[in-house]
């Protein structure tokens, strides 16, 4: 397939260098990797990987406290929640 369009993107220099090294190790260049990503997104009709944000240690601790019944009562707002977590 002939390339007949150009795309320009901006990214952090360090990220670009890391990506170029990774792709070179895989035997492809940045342009081929981006084309592969886009073709997979089209094929899957969405991102070709799961996107999720994992909770940090504070959130995991709060979830554990809630699961273990350490948070009692009807908390009214963030301040009461934080007081309860810090108790």
PDB file of N, CA and C in Angstrom:
ATOM      1  N   UNK A   1       0.842  -1.176   0.000  1.00  0.00           N
ATOM      2  CA  UNK A   1       0.000   0.000   0.000  1.00  0.00           C
ATOM      3  C   UNK A   1       0.887   1.239   0.000  1.00  0.00           C
ATOM      4  N   UNK A   2       0.623   2.142  -0.893  1.00  0.00           N
ATOM      5  CA  UNK A   2       1.416   3.360  -1.034  1.00  0.00           C
ATOM      6  C   UNK A   2       1.048   4.377   0.045  1.00  0.00           C
ATOM      7  N   UNK A   3       2.061   4.938   0.691  1.00  0.00           N
ATOM      8  CA  UNK A   3       1.821   6.000   1.670  1.00  0.00           C
ATOM      9  C   UNK A   3       1.581   7.297   0.922  1.00  0.00           C
ATOM     10  N   UNK A   4       0.406   7.875   1.117  1.00  0.00           N
ATOM     11  CA  UNK A   4       0.111   9.119   0.415  1.00  0.00           C
ATOM     12  C   UNK A   4      -0.345  10.219   1.369  1.00  0.00           C
ATOM     13  N   UNK A   5      -0.098  10.031   2.650  1.00  0.00           N
ATOM     14  CA  UNK A   5      -0.435  11.056   3.636  1.00  0.00           C
ATOM     15  C   UNK A   5       0.660  11.086   4.694  1.00  0.00           C
ATOM     16  N   UNK A   6       0.813  12.241   5.284  1.00  0.00           N
ATOM     17  CA  UNK A   6       1.825  12.434   6.312  1.00  0.00           C
ATOM     18  C   UNK A   6       1.138  12.813   7.621  1.00  0.00           C
ATOM     19  N   UNK A   7       1.687  12.341   8.734  1.00  0.00           N
ATOM     20  CA  UNK A   7       1.163  12.663  10.064  1.00  0.00           C
ATOM     21  C   UNK A   7       2.324  13.160  10.905  1.00  0.00           C
ATOM     22  N   UNK A   8       2.121  14.249  11.615  1.00  0.00           N
ATOM     23  CA  UNK A   8       3.139  14.779  12.508  1.00  0.00           C
ATOM     24  C   UNK A   8       2.617  14.704  13.926  1.00  0.00           C
ATOM     25  N   UNK A   9       3.414  14.145  14.837  1.00  0.00           N
ATOM     26  CA  UNK A   9       3.033  14.086  16.243  1.00  0.00           C
ATOM     27  C   UNK A   9       4.153  14.660  17.095  1.00  0.00           C
ATOM     28  N   UNK A  10       3.805  15.133  18.273  1.00  0.00           N
ATOM     29  CA  UNK A  10       4.797  15.642  19.211  1.00  0.00           C
ATOM     30  C   UNK A  10       4.799  14.718  20.419  1.00  0.00           C
ATOM     31  N   UNK A  11       5.989  14.436  20.931  1.00  0.00           N
ATOM     32  CA  UNK A  11       6.106  13.600  22.115  1.00  0.00           C
ATOM     33  C   UNK A  11       7.380  13.940  22.863  1.00  0.00           C
ATOM     34  N   UNK A  12       7.455  13.491  24.072  1.00  0.00           N
ATOM     35  CA  UNK A  12       8.634  13.673  24.900  1.00  0.00           C
ATOM     36  C   UNK A  12       9.840  13.020  24.214  1.00  0.00           C
ATOM     37  N   UNK A  13      10.961  13.729  24.192  1.00  0.00           N
ATOM     38  CA  UNK A  13      12.170  13.244  23.500  1.00  0.00           C
ATOM     39  C   UNK A  13      12.635  11.888  24.047  1.00  0.00           C
ATOM     40  N   UNK A  14      12.626  11.741  25.357  1.00  0.00           N
ATOM     41  CA  UNK A  14      13.062  10.482  25.971  1.00  0.00           C
ATOM     42  C   UNK A  14      12.148   9.320  25.570  1.00  0.00           C
ATOM     43  N   UNK A  15      10.838   9.577  25.545  1.00  0.00           N
ATOM     44  CA  UNK A  15       9.879   8.540  25.138  1.00  0.00           C
ATOM     45  C   UNK A  15      10.134   8.141  23.688  1.00  0.00           C
ATOM     46  N   UNK A  16      10.370   9.140  22.837  1.00  0.00           N
ATOM     47  CA  UNK A  16      10.642   8.853  21.428  1.00  0.00           C
ATOM     48  C   UNK A  16      11.884   7.973  21.290  1.00  0.00           C
ATOM     49  N   UNK A  17      12.952   8.309  22.015  1.00  0.00           N
ATOM     50  CA  UNK A  17      14.185   7.532  21.930  1.00  0.00           C
ATOM     51  C   UNK A  17      13.970   6.097  22.422  1.00  0.00           C
ATOM     52  N   UNK A  18      13.229   5.946  23.506  1.00  0.00           N
ATOM     53  CA  UNK A  18      12.943   4.601  24.023  1.00  0.00           C
ATOM     54  C   UNK A  18      12.137   3.793  23.010  1.00  0.00           C
ATOM     55  N   UNK A  19      11.139   4.449  22.397  1.00  0.00           N
ATOM     56  CA  UNK A  19      10.309   3.764  21.404  1.00  0.00           C
ATOM     57  C   UNK A  19      11.142   3.374  20.182  1.00  0.00           C
ATOM     58  N   UNK A  20      11.991   4.283  19.714  1.00  0.00           N
ATOM     59  CA  UNK A  20      12.829   3.975  18.552  1.00  0.00           C
ATOM     60  C   UNK A  20      13.740   2.785  18.825  1.00  0.00           C
ATOM     61  N   UNK A  21      14.303   2.710  20.023  1.00  0.00           N
ATOM     62  CA  UNK A  21      15.161   1.583  20.378  1.00  0.00           C
ATOM     63  C   UNK A  21      14.356   0.288  20.400  1.00  0.00           C
ATOM     64  N   UNK A  22      13.196   0.342  21.043  1.00  0.00           N
ATOM     65  CA  UNK A  22      12.344  -0.847  21.107  1.00  0.00           C
ATOM     66  C   UNK A  22      11.981  -1.327  19.711  1.00  0.00           C
ATOM     67  N   UNK A  23      11.510  -0.405  18.867  1.00  0.00           N
ATOM     68  CA  UNK A  23      11.094  -0.799  17.524  1.00  0.00           C
ATOM     69  C   UNK A  23      12.283  -1.301  16.699  1.00  0.00           C
ATOM     70  N   UNK A  24      13.449  -0.674  16.856  1.00  0.00           N
ATOM     71  CA  UNK A  24      14.639  -1.149  16.144  1.00  0.00           C
ATOM     72  C   UNK A  24      14.971  -2.580  16.569  1.00  0.00           C
ATOM     73  N   UNK A  25      14.846  -2.854  17.876  1.00  0.00           N
ATOM     74  CA  UNK A  25      15.084  -4.221  18.370  1.00  0.00           C
ATOM     75  C   UNK A  25      14.091  -5.212  17.760  1.00  0.00           C
ATOM     76  N   UNK A  26      12.903  -4.709  17.417  1.00  0.00           N
ATOM     77  CA  UNK A  26      11.870  -5.552  16.802  1.00  0.00           C
ATOM     78  C   UNK A  26      11.992  -5.592  15.280  1.00  0.00           C
ATOM     79  N   UNK A  27      12.918  -4.799  14.740  1.00  0.00           N
ATOM     80  CA  UNK A  27      13.158  -4.808  13.301  1.00  0.00           C
ATOM     81  C   UNK A  27      12.232  -3.906  12.500  1.00  0.00           C
ATOM     82  N   UNK A  28      11.606  -2.918  13.170  1.00  0.00           N
ATOM     83  CA  UNK A  28      10.753  -1.981  12.450  1.00  0.00           C
ATOM     84  C   UNK A  28      11.118  -0.550  12.842  1.00  0.00           C
ATOM     85  N   UNK A  29      10.682   0.395  12.036  1.00  0.00           N
ATOM     86  CA  UNK A  29      10.932   1.799  12.369  1.00  0.00           C
ATOM     87  C   UNK A  29       9.682   2.402  13.007  1.00  0.00           C
ATOM     88  N   UNK A  30       9.806   3.663  13.446  1.00  0.00           N
ATOM     89  CA  UNK A  30       8.702   4.334  14.129  1.00  0.00           C
ATOM     90  C   UNK A  30       7.467   4.434  13.237  1.00  0.00           C
ATOM     91  N   UNK A  31       7.663   4.773  11.969  1.00  0.00           N
ATOM     92  CA  UNK A  31       6.540   4.914  11.048  1.00  0.00           C
ATOM     93  C   UNK A  31       5.782   3.594  10.891  1.00  0.00           C
ATOM     94  N   UNK A  32       6.517   2.508  10.755  1.00  0.00           N
ATOM     95  CA  UNK A  32       5.873   1.188  10.626  1.00  0.00           C
ATOM     96  C   UNK A  32       5.112   0.829  11.896  1.00  0.00           C
ATOM     97  N   UNK A  33       5.686   1.154  13.064  1.00  0.00           N
ATOM     98  CA  UNK A  33       5.029   0.855  14.336  1.00  0.00           C
ATOM     99  C   UNK A  33       3.730   1.644  14.484  1.00  0.00           C
ATOM    100  N   UNK A  34       3.767   2.929  14.114  1.00  0.00           N
ATOM    101  CA  UNK A  34       2.555   3.755  14.199  1.00  0.00           C
ATOM    102  C   UNK A  34       1.499   3.238  13.225  1.00  0.00           C
ATOM    103  N   UNK A  35       1.907   2.888  12.002  1.00  0.00           N
ATOM    104  CA  UNK A  35       0.968   2.322  11.039  1.00  0.00           C
ATOM    105  C   UNK A  35       0.359   1.020  11.552  1.00  0.00           C
ATOM    106  N   UNK A  36       1.173   0.178  12.165  1.00  0.00           N
ATOM    107  CA  UNK A  36       0.687  -1.076  12.733  1.00  0.00           C
ATOM    108  C   UNK A  36      -0.342  -0.816  13.824  1.00  0.00           C
ATOM    109  N   UNK A  37      -0.045   0.136  14.703  1.00  0.00           N
ATOM    110  CA  UNK A  37      -0.983   0.493  15.769  1.00  0.00           C
ATOM    111  C   UNK A  37      -2.323   0.953  15.179  1.00  0.00           C
ATOM    112  N   UNK A  38      -2.269   1.844  14.191  1.00  0.00           N
ATOM    113  CA  UNK A  38      -3.494   2.386  13.612  1.00  0.00           C
ATOM    114  C   UNK A  38      -4.292   1.302  12.890  1.00  0.00           C
ATOM    115  N   UNK A  39      -3.603   0.429  12.164  1.00  0.00           N
ATOM    116  CA  UNK A  39      -4.305  -0.664  11.481  1.00  0.00           C
ATOM    117  C   UNK A  39      -4.985  -1.590  12.491  1.00  0.00           C
ATOM    118  N   UNK A  40      -4.315  -1.874  13.595  1.00  0.00           N
ATOM    119  CA  UNK A  40      -4.920  -2.720  14.631  1.00  0.00           C
ATOM    120  C   UNK A  40      -6.114  -2.027  15.296  1.00  0.00           C
ATOM    121  N   UNK A  41      -6.014  -0.715  15.517  1.00  0.00           N
ATOM    122  CA  UNK A  41      -7.131   0.034  16.097  1.00  0.00           C
ATOM    123  C   UNK A  41      -8.342  -0.033  15.172  1.00  0.00           C
ATOM    124  N   UNK A  42      -8.114   0.120  13.878  1.00  0.00           N
ATOM    125  CA  UNK A  42      -9.207   0.035  12.905  1.00  0.00           C
ATOM    126  C   UNK A  42      -9.787  -1.371  12.901  1.00  0.00           C
ATOM    127  N   UNK A  43      -8.921  -2.386  12.864  1.00  0.00           N
ATOM    128  CA  UNK A  43      -9.363  -3.786  12.846  1.00  0.00           C
ATOM    129  C   UNK A  43     -10.194  -4.116  14.084  1.00  0.00           C
ATOM    130  N   UNK A  44      -9.773  -3.623  15.249  1.00  0.00           N
ATOM    131  CA  UNK A  44     -10.461  -3.928  16.502  1.00  0.00           C
ATOM    132  C   UNK A  44     -11.602  -2.951  16.799  1.00  0.00           C
ATOM    133  N   UNK A  45     -11.706  -1.918  15.969  1.00  0.00           N
ATOM    134  CA  UNK A  45     -12.718  -0.879  16.177  1.00  0.00           C
ATOM    135  C   UNK A  45     -12.567  -0.239  17.555  1.00  0.00           C
ATOM    136  N   UNK A  46     -11.337   0.004  17.946  1.00  0.00           N
ATOM    137  CA  UNK A  46     -11.018   0.608  19.241  1.00  0.00           C
ATOM    138  C   UNK A  46      -9.529   0.466  19.486  1.00  0.00           C
ATOM    139  N   UNK A  47      -9.114   0.837  20.672  1.00  0.00           N
ATOM    140  CA  UNK A  47      -7.693   0.680  20.999  1.00  0.00           C
ATOM    141  C   UNK A  47      -7.341  -0.806  21.046  1.00  0.00           C
ATOM    142  N   UNK A  48      -6.182  -1.183  20.519  1.00  0.00           N
ATOM    143  CA  UNK A  48      -5.825  -2.598  20.457  1.00  0.00           C
ATOM    144  C   UNK A  48      -5.218  -3.138  21.757  1.00  0.00           C
ATOM    145  N   UNK A  49      -5.575  -2.520  22.867  1.00  0.00           N
ATOM    146  CA  UNK A  49      -5.126  -2.970  24.183  1.00  0.00           C
ATOM    147  C   UNK A  49      -6.061  -2.385  25.223  1.00  0.00           C
ATOM    148  N   UNK A  50      -6.061  -2.979  26.405  1.00  0.00           N
ATOM    149  CA  UNK A  50      -6.911  -2.487  27.490  1.00  0.00           C
ATOM    150  C   UNK A  50      -6.290  -1.232  28.096  1.00  0.00           C
ATOM    151  N   UNK A  51      -7.117  -0.239  28.342  1.00  0.00           N
ATOM    152  CA  UNK A  51      -6.668   0.984  28.996  1.00  0.00           C
ATOM    153  C   UNK A  51      -7.313   1.028  30.370  1.00  0.00           C
ATOM    154  N   UNK A  52      -6.483   1.083  31.391  1.00  0.00           N
ATOM    155  CA  UNK A  52      -7.019   1.160  32.740  1.00  0.00           C
ATOM    156  C   UNK A  52      -6.045   1.928  33.611  1.00  0.00           C
ATOM    157  N   UNK A  53      -6.576   2.476  34.654  1.00  0.00           N
ATOM    158  CA  UNK A  53      -5.731   3.181  35.604  1.00  0.00           C
ATOM    159  C   UNK A  53      -5.787   2.405  36.902  1.00  0.00           C
ATOM    160  N   UNK A  54      -4.662   1.910  37.306  1.00  0.00           N
ATOM    161  CA  UNK A  54      -4.604   1.107  38.519  1.00  0.00           C
ATOM    162  C   UNK A  54      -4.551   2.032  39.729  1.00  0.00           C
ATOM    163  N   UNK A  55      -5.284   1.680  40.794  1.00  0.00           N
ATOM    164  CA  UNK A  55      -5.279   2.531  41.990  1.00  0.00           C
ATOM    165  C   UNK A  55      -3.905   2.550  42.655  1.00  0.00           C
ATOM    166  N   UNK A  56      -3.572   3.720  43.248  1.00  0.00           N
ATOM    167  CA  UNK A  56      -2.295   3.833  43.955  1.00  0.00           C
ATOM    168  C   UNK A  56      -2.411   3.206  45.344  1.00  0.00           C
ATOM    169  N   UNK A  57      -1.327   3.219  46.093  1.00  0.00           N
ATOM    170  CA  UNK A  57      -1.275   2.556  47.400  1.00  0.00           C
ATOM    171  C   UNK A  57      -2.285   3.149  48.377  1.00  0.00           C
ATOM    172  N   UNK A  58      -2.482   4.462  48.360  1.00  0.00           N
ATOM    173  CA  UNK A  58      -3.440   5.102  49.278  1.00  0.00           C
ATOM    174  C   UNK A  58      -4.856   4.631  48.965  1.00  0.00           C
ATOM    175  N   UNK A  59      -5.194   4.588  47.684  1.00  0.00           N
ATOM    176  CA  UNK A  59      -6.534   4.145  47.288  1.00  0.00           C
ATOM    177  C   UNK A  59      -6.742   2.676  47.627  1.00  0.00           C
ATOM    178  N   UNK A  60      -5.724   1.853  47.364  1.00  0.00           N
ATOM    179  CA  UNK A  60      -5.834   0.432  47.710  1.00  0.00           C
ATOM    180  C   UNK A  60      -6.042   0.236  49.207  1.00  0.00           C
ATOM    181  N   UNK A  61      -5.340   1.041  50.018  1.00  0.00           N
ATOM    182  CA  UNK A  61      -5.500   0.970  51.463  1.00  0.00           C
ATOM    183  C   UNK A  61      -6.916   1.361  51.876  1.00  0.00           C
ATOM    184  N   UNK A  62      -7.466   2.412  51.264  1.00  0.00           N
ATOM    185  CA  UNK A  62      -8.831   2.848  51.574  1.00  0.00           C
ATOM    186  C   UNK A  62      -9.846   1.780  51.182  1.00  0.00           C
ATOM    187  N   UNK A  63      -9.638   1.146  50.043  1.00  0.00           N
ATOM    188  CA  UNK A  63     -10.527   0.071  49.606  1.00  0.00           C
ATOM    189  C   UNK A  63     -10.480  -1.084  50.601  1.00  0.00           C
ATOM    190  N   UNK A  64      -9.274  -1.434  51.028  1.00  0.00           N
ATOM    191  CA  UNK A  64      -9.110  -2.508  52.008  1.00  0.00           C
ATOM    192  C   UNK A  64      -9.804  -2.153  53.322  1.00  0.00           C
ATOM    193  N   UNK A  65      -9.630  -0.912  53.792  1.00  0.00           N
ATOM    194  CA  UNK A  65     -10.299  -0.470  55.015  1.00  0.00           C
ATOM    195  C   UNK A  65     -11.809  -0.570  54.876  1.00  0.00           C
ATOM    196  N   UNK A  66     -12.336  -0.144  53.734  1.00  0.00           N
ATOM    197  CA  UNK A  66     -13.777  -0.212  53.505  1.00  0.00           C
ATOM    198  C   UNK A  66     -14.251  -1.658  53.487  1.00  0.00           C
ATOM    199  N   UNK A  67     -13.508  -2.532  52.812  1.00  0.00           N
ATOM    200  CA  UNK A  67     -13.870  -3.945  52.755  1.00  0.00           C
ATOM    201  C   UNK A  67     -13.835  -4.608  54.126  1.00  0.00           C
ATOM    202  N   UNK A  68     -12.943  -4.134  55.006  1.00  0.00           N
ATOM    203  CA  UNK A  68     -12.794  -4.726  56.340  1.00  0.00           C
ATOM    204  C   UNK A  68     -13.652  -4.035  57.395  1.00  0.00           C
ATOM    205  N   UNK A  69     -14.530  -3.138  56.953  1.00  0.00           N
ATOM    206  CA  UNK A  69     -15.441  -2.477  57.886  1.00  0.00           C
ATOM    207  C   UNK A  69     -14.798  -1.425  58.756  1.00  0.00           C
ATOM    208  N   UNK A  70     -13.626  -0.941  58.387  1.00  0.00           N
ATOM    209  CA  UNK A  70     -12.944   0.069  59.197  1.00  0.00           C
ATOM    210  C   UNK A  70     -13.536   1.458  58.996  1.00  0.00           C
ATOM    211  N   UNK A  71     -14.306   1.651  57.948  1.00  0.00           N
ATOM    212  CA  UNK A  71     -14.971   2.932  57.724  1.00  0.00           C
ATOM    213  C   UNK A  71     -16.410   2.773  58.204  1.00  0.00           C
ATOM    214  N   UNK A  72     -16.756   3.455  59.240  1.00  0.00           N
ATOM    215  CA  UNK A  72     -18.076   3.313  59.848  1.00  0.00           C
ATOM    216  C   UNK A  72     -18.887   4.584  59.654  1.00  0.00           C
ATOM    217  N   UNK A  73     -20.193   4.430  59.627  1.00  0.00           N
ATOM    218  CA  UNK A  73     -21.084   5.571  59.625  1.00  0.00           C
ATOM    219  C   UNK A  73     -21.263   6.192  58.255  1.00  0.00           C
ATOM    220  N   UNK A  74     -22.086   7.227  58.246  1.00  0.00           N
ATOM    221  CA  UNK A  74     -22.401   7.957  57.030  1.00  0.00           C
ATOM    222  C   UNK A  74     -21.481   9.166  56.950  1.00  0.00           C
ATOM    223  N   UNK A  75     -20.455   9.082  56.140  1.00  0.00           N
ATOM    224  CA  UNK A  75     -19.481  10.165  56.049  1.00  0.00           C
ATOM    225  C   UNK A  75     -20.045  11.302  55.203  1.00  0.00           C
ATOM    226  N   UNK A  76     -19.844  12.523  55.669  1.00  0.00           N
ATOM    227  CA  UNK A  76     -20.349  13.704  54.984  1.00  0.00           C
ATOM    228  C   UNK A  76     -19.188  14.480  54.366  1.00  0.00           C
ATOM    229  N   UNK A  77     -18.812  14.128  53.190  1.00  0.00           N
ATOM    230  CA  UNK A  77     -17.798  14.879  52.470  1.00  0.00           C
ATOM    231  C   UNK A  77     -16.395  14.309  52.602  1.00  0.00           C
ATOM    232  N   UNK A  78     -15.525  14.913  51.820  1.00  0.00           N
ATOM    233  CA  UNK A  78     -14.136  14.454  51.729  1.00  0.00           C
ATOM    234  C   UNK A  78     -13.396  14.615  53.036  1.00  0.00           C
ATOM    235  N   UNK A  79     -13.618  15.730  53.749  1.00  0.00           N
ATOM    236  CA  UNK A  79     -12.898  15.970  55.009  1.00  0.00           C
ATOM    237  C   UNK A  79     -13.177  14.860  56.011  1.00  0.00           C
ATOM    238  N   UNK A  80     -14.445  14.460  56.147  1.00  0.00           N
ATOM    239  CA  UNK A  80     -14.769  13.372  57.080  1.00  0.00           C
ATOM    240  C   UNK A  80     -14.169  12.057  56.618  1.00  0.00           C
ATOM    241  N   UNK A  81     -14.157  11.818  55.331  1.00  0.00           N
ATOM    242  CA  UNK A  81     -13.552  10.595  54.806  1.00  0.00           C
ATOM    243  C   UNK A  81     -12.066  10.556  55.136  1.00  0.00           C
ATOM    244  N   UNK A  82     -11.358  11.663  54.893  1.00  0.00           N
ATOM    245  CA  UNK A  82      -9.927  11.714  55.178  1.00  0.00           C
ATOM    246  C   UNK A  82      -9.671  11.560  56.676  1.00  0.00           C
ATOM    247  N   UNK A  83     -10.487  12.202  57.511  1.00  0.00           N
ATOM    248  CA  UNK A  83     -10.343  12.035  58.968  1.00  0.00           C
ATOM    249  C   UNK A  83     -10.517  10.576  59.351  1.00  0.00           C
ATOM    250  N   UNK A  84     -11.500   9.916  58.751  1.00  0.00           N
ATOM    251  CA  UNK A  84     -11.758   8.511  59.055  1.00  0.00           C
ATOM    252  C   UNK A  84     -10.588   7.637  58.628  1.00  0.00           C
ATOM    253  N   UNK A  85     -10.012   7.933  57.452  1.00  0.00           N
ATOM    254  CA  UNK A  85      -8.882   7.132  56.970  1.00  0.00           C
ATOM    255  C   UNK A  85      -7.635   7.348  57.811  1.00  0.00           C
ATOM    256  N   UNK A  86      -7.454   8.555  58.346  1.00  0.00           N
ATOM    257  CA  UNK A  86      -6.261   8.870  59.129  1.00  0.00           C
ATOM    258  C   UNK A  86      -6.406   8.499  60.599  1.00  0.00           C
ATOM    259  N   UNK A  87      -7.563   8.029  60.993  1.00  0.00           N
ATOM    260  CA  UNK A  87      -7.806   7.674  62.409  1.00  0.00           C
ATOM    261  C   UNK A  87      -7.090   6.390  62.797  1.00  0.00           C
TER     262      UNK A  87
END
